[in-house]
Amino acid sequence: MVNFIKKYYGIVILLLGLFIYFGNDYLKDAKLQDYYSNPEVQDLYIFQFDSIYAPYLLEEIKNDSFYFFVHSFNFKKNIPDCKQVLKDSFRTEMYYIYSKVELDKMMRETKISKIYRLCQ
């Protein structure tokens, strides 16, 4: 057994690294899908439009309509961390309303990059 490990050490390390890398992506995708399938008020959605990431705060759910407040700032190049999106920077004077069908389409097109729950 020791000879096997010594002989194939590099391959074992490579396979282990690949397993960790792709396993982590799978867990992230599973969490995104779980939060999307079971939405809660105050979930923080990060929508991607080209290279811009726009935070939307889920404020209300009525029937198949989702009411979002839009953040005052957008982020370029990287998905913002939950702590970068300040709760008091959402524009609360108006809602953006999406139907479940529209959100499903956005999810299929990977326009929903991330969903945070219990942020801040």
C-alpha atoms as a PDB file:
ATOM      1  CA  MET A   1       0.000   0.000   0.000  1.00  0.00           C
ATOM      2  CA  VAL A   2       2.814   2.404   0.901  1.00  0.00           C
ATOM      3  CA  ASN A   3       4.535   1.717  -2.421  1.00  0.00           C
ATOM      4  CA  PHE A   4       1.275   2.451  -4.253  1.00  0.00           C
ATOM      5  CA  ILE A   5       0.907   5.820  -2.502  1.00  0.00           C
ATOM      6  CA  LYS A   6       4.529   6.727  -3.182  1.00  0.00           C
ATOM      7  CA  LYS A   7       4.228   5.736  -6.829  1.00  0.00           C
ATOM      8  CA  TYR A   8       0.965   7.557  -7.502  1.00  0.00           C
ATOM      9  CA  TYR A   9       1.248  10.398  -4.968  1.00  0.00           C
ATOM     10  CA  GLY A  10       0.824  13.174  -7.574  1.00  0.00           C
ATOM     11  CA  ILE A  11      -2.232  11.546  -9.145  1.00  0.00           C
ATOM     12  CA  VAL A  12      -3.840  10.957  -5.744  1.00  0.00           C
ATOM     13  CA  ILE A  13      -3.297  14.609  -4.773  1.00  0.00           C
ATOM     14  CA  LEU A  14      -4.698  15.779  -8.135  1.00  0.00           C
ATOM     15  CA  LEU A  15      -7.799  13.590  -7.798  1.00  0.00           C
ATOM     16  CA  LEU A  16      -8.330  14.743  -4.227  1.00  0.00           C
ATOM     17  CA  GLY A  17      -8.038  18.394  -5.304  1.00  0.00           C
ATOM     18  CA  LEU A  18     -10.530  17.883  -8.148  1.00  0.00           C
ATOM     19  CA  PHE A  19     -12.946  16.146  -5.800  1.00  0.00           C
ATOM     20  CA  ILE A  20     -12.778  19.035  -3.315  1.00  0.00           C
ATOM     21  CA  TYR A  21     -13.113  21.680  -6.053  1.00  0.00           C
ATOM     22  CA  PHE A  22     -16.099  20.135  -7.820  1.00  0.00           C
ATOM     23  CA  GLY A  23     -17.710  18.967  -4.586  1.00  0.00           C
ATOM     24  CA  ASN A  24     -17.647  22.562  -3.316  1.00  0.00           C
ATOM     25  CA  ASP A  25     -19.340  23.796  -6.527  1.00  0.00           C
ATOM     26  CA  TYR A  26     -21.993  21.100  -6.158  1.00  0.00           C
ATOM     27  CA  LEU A  27     -22.733  22.164  -2.573  1.00  0.00           C
ATOM     28  CA  LYS A  28     -22.987  25.836  -3.623  1.00  0.00           C
ATOM     29  CA  ASP A  29     -25.412  24.929  -6.430  1.00  0.00           C
ATOM     30  CA  ALA A  30     -27.468  22.770  -4.062  1.00  0.00           C
ATOM     31  CA  LYS A  31     -27.743  25.624  -1.544  1.00  0.00           C
ATOM     32  CA  LEU A  32     -28.774  28.087  -4.278  1.00  0.00           C
ATOM     33  CA  GLN A  33     -31.423  25.654  -5.523  1.00  0.00           C
ATOM     34  CA  ASP A  34     -32.684  24.991  -1.987  1.00  0.00           C
ATOM     35  CA  TYR A  35     -33.031  28.705  -1.161  1.00  0.00           C
ATOM     36  CA  TYR A  36     -34.683  29.340  -4.517  1.00  0.00           C
ATOM     37  CA  SER A  37     -37.163  26.492  -4.061  1.00  0.00           C
ATOM     38  CA  ASN A  38     -38.019  27.614  -0.525  1.00  0.00           C
ATOM     39  CA  PRO A  39     -37.962  31.422  -0.601  1.00  0.00           C
ATOM     40  CA  GLU A  40     -38.205  33.476   2.563  1.00  0.00           C
ATOM     41  CA  VAL A  41     -38.840  37.164   3.062  1.00  0.00           C
ATOM     42  CA  GLN A  42     -35.512  38.985   3.611  1.00  0.00           C
ATOM     43  CA  ASP A  43     -33.596  36.609   1.308  1.00  0.00           C
ATOM     44  CA  LEU A  44     -30.945  38.546  -0.562  1.00  0.00           C
ATOM     45  CA  TYR A  45     -30.824  37.703  -4.273  1.00  0.00           C
ATOM     46  CA  ILE A  46     -27.844  38.635  -6.412  1.00  0.00           C
ATOM     47  CA  PHE A  47     -28.944  39.046 -10.029  1.00  0.00           C
ATOM     48  CA  GLN A  48     -26.362  39.119 -12.794  1.00  0.00           C
ATOM     49  CA  PHE A  49     -26.865  41.378 -15.786  1.00  0.00           C
ATOM     50  CA  ASP A  50     -23.831  41.093 -18.082  1.00  0.00           C
ATOM     51  CA  SER A  51     -20.859  41.838 -15.793  1.00  0.00           C
ATOM     52  CA  ILE A  52     -22.949  43.715 -13.204  1.00  0.00           C
ATOM     53  CA  TYR A  53     -24.216  42.096  -9.998  1.00  0.00           C
ATOM     54  CA  ALA A  54     -27.355  43.700  -8.592  1.00  0.00           C
ATOM     55  CA  PRO A  55     -28.590  42.919  -5.052  1.00  0.00           C
ATOM     56  CA  TYR A  56     -32.349  42.575  -4.597  1.00  0.00           C
ATOM     57  CA  LEU A  57     -33.985  42.101  -1.201  1.00  0.00           C
ATOM     58  CA  LEU A  58     -37.088  39.898  -1.163  1.00  0.00           C
ATOM     59  CA  GLU A  59     -39.617  41.954   0.756  1.00  0.00           C
ATOM     60  CA  GLU A  60     -42.886  40.141   0.126  1.00  0.00           C
ATOM     61  CA  ILE A  61     -44.387  37.093  -1.577  1.00  0.00           C
ATOM     62  CA  LYS A  62     -47.998  37.192  -2.757  1.00  0.00           C
ATOM     63  CA  ASN A  63     -49.368  34.236  -4.692  1.00  0.00           C
ATOM     64  CA  ASP A  64     -46.832  33.824  -7.499  1.00  0.00           C
ATOM     65  CA  SER A  65     -45.490  37.398  -7.286  1.00  0.00           C
ATOM     66  CA  PHE A  66     -42.193  38.280  -5.634  1.00  0.00           C
ATOM     67  CA  TYR A  67     -41.674  41.858  -4.459  1.00  0.00           C
ATOM     68  CA  PHE A  68     -38.074  43.062  -4.290  1.00  0.00           C
ATOM     69  CA  PHE A  69     -36.363  46.193  -3.102  1.00  0.00           C
ATOM     70  CA  VAL A  70     -33.372  47.113  -5.261  1.00  0.00           C
ATOM     71  CA  HIS A  71     -30.040  48.080  -3.765  1.00  0.00           C
ATOM     72  CA  SER A  72     -28.753  51.592  -4.438  1.00  0.00           C
ATOM     73  CA  PHE A  73     -25.434  50.224  -5.665  1.00  0.00           C
ATOM     74  CA  ASN A  74     -24.426  47.533  -8.141  1.00  0.00           C
ATOM     75  CA  PHE A  75     -21.208  45.560  -8.086  1.00  0.00           C
ATOM     76  CA  LYS A  76     -18.867  44.955 -11.007  1.00  0.00           C
ATOM     77  CA  LYS A  77     -16.852  41.836 -11.787  1.00  0.00           C
ATOM     78  CA  ASN A  78     -17.435  39.877  -8.558  1.00  0.00           C
ATOM     79  CA  ILE A  79     -20.438  38.576  -6.684  1.00  0.00           C
ATOM     80  CA  PRO A  80     -20.593  40.685  -3.519  1.00  0.00           C
ATOM     81  CA  ASP A  81     -20.240  39.061  -0.155  1.00  0.00           C
ATOM     82  CA  CYS A  82     -23.281  39.260   2.066  1.00  0.00           C
ATOM     83  CA  LYS A  83     -21.609  41.792   4.373  1.00  0.00           C
ATOM     84  CA  GLN A  84     -20.825  44.147   1.476  1.00  0.00           C
ATOM     85  CA  VAL A  85     -24.528  44.695   0.820  1.00  0.00           C
ATOM     86  CA  LEU A  86     -25.723  47.162   3.436  1.00  0.00           C
ATOM     87  CA  LYS A  87     -29.342  46.655   4.453  1.00  0.00           C
ATOM     88  CA  ASP A  88     -30.052  50.370   4.781  1.00  0.00           C
ATOM     89  CA  SER A  89     -28.982  51.021   1.186  1.00  0.00           C
ATOM     90  CA  PHE A  90     -32.034  49.507  -0.454  1.00  0.00           C
ATOM     91  CA  ARG A  91     -34.430  51.797  -2.252  1.00  0.00           C
ATOM     92  CA  THR A  92     -37.702  51.201  -0.426  1.00  0.00           C
ATOM     93  CA  GLU A  93     -39.844  53.745  -2.271  1.00  0.00           C
ATOM     94  CA  MET A  94     -40.719  51.219  -4.992  1.00  0.00           C
ATOM     95  CA  TYR A  95     -40.805  47.490  -5.648  1.00  0.00           C
ATOM     96  CA  TYR A  96     -39.565  45.414  -8.536  1.00  0.00           C
ATOM     97  CA  ILE A  97     -42.122  42.665  -9.021  1.00  0.00           C
ATOM     98  CA  TYR A  98     -41.313  39.362 -10.700  1.00  0.00           C
ATOM     99  CA  SER A  99     -43.643  36.444 -11.264  1.00  0.00           C
ATOM    100  CA  LYS A 100     -42.536  32.915 -10.407  1.00  0.00           C
ATOM    101  CA  VAL A 101     -42.404  32.183 -14.155  1.00  0.00           C
ATOM    102  CA  GLU A 102     -40.015  35.112 -14.725  1.00  0.00           C
ATOM    103  CA  LEU A 103     -37.800  34.027 -11.842  1.00  0.00           C
ATOM    104  CA  ASP A 104     -37.781  30.441 -13.123  1.00  0.00           C
ATOM    105  CA  LYS A 105     -36.574  31.722 -16.482  1.00  0.00           C
ATOM    106  CA  MET A 106     -33.890  33.842 -14.809  1.00  0.00           C
ATOM    107  CA  MET A 107     -32.768  30.821 -12.802  1.00  0.00           C
ATOM    108  CA  ARG A 108     -32.496  28.663 -15.940  1.00  0.00           C
ATOM    109  CA  GLU A 109     -30.512  31.401 -17.669  1.00  0.00           C
ATOM    110  CA  THR A 110     -28.241  31.661 -14.576  1.00  0.00           C
ATOM    111  CA  LYS A 111     -29.158  35.310 -14.040  1.00  0.00           C
ATOM    112  CA  ILE A 112     -29.603  34.561 -10.318  1.00  0.00           C
ATOM    113  CA  SER A 113     -26.002  34.140  -9.182  1.00  0.00           C
ATOM    114  CA  LYS A 114     -26.435  33.805  -5.445  1.00  0.00           C
ATOM    115  CA  ILE A 115     -29.055  33.862  -2.700  1.00  0.00           C
ATOM    116  CA  TYR A 116     -28.111  34.723   0.873  1.00  0.00           C
ATOM    117  CA  ARG A 117     -30.304  33.876   3.823  1.00  0.00           C
ATOM    118  CA  LEU A 118     -30.136  35.549   7.237  1.00  0.00           C
ATOM    119  CA  CYS A 119     -27.651  38.081   6.001  1.00  0.00           C
ATOM    120  CA  GLN A 120     -26.237  40.498   8.640  1.00  0.00           C
END
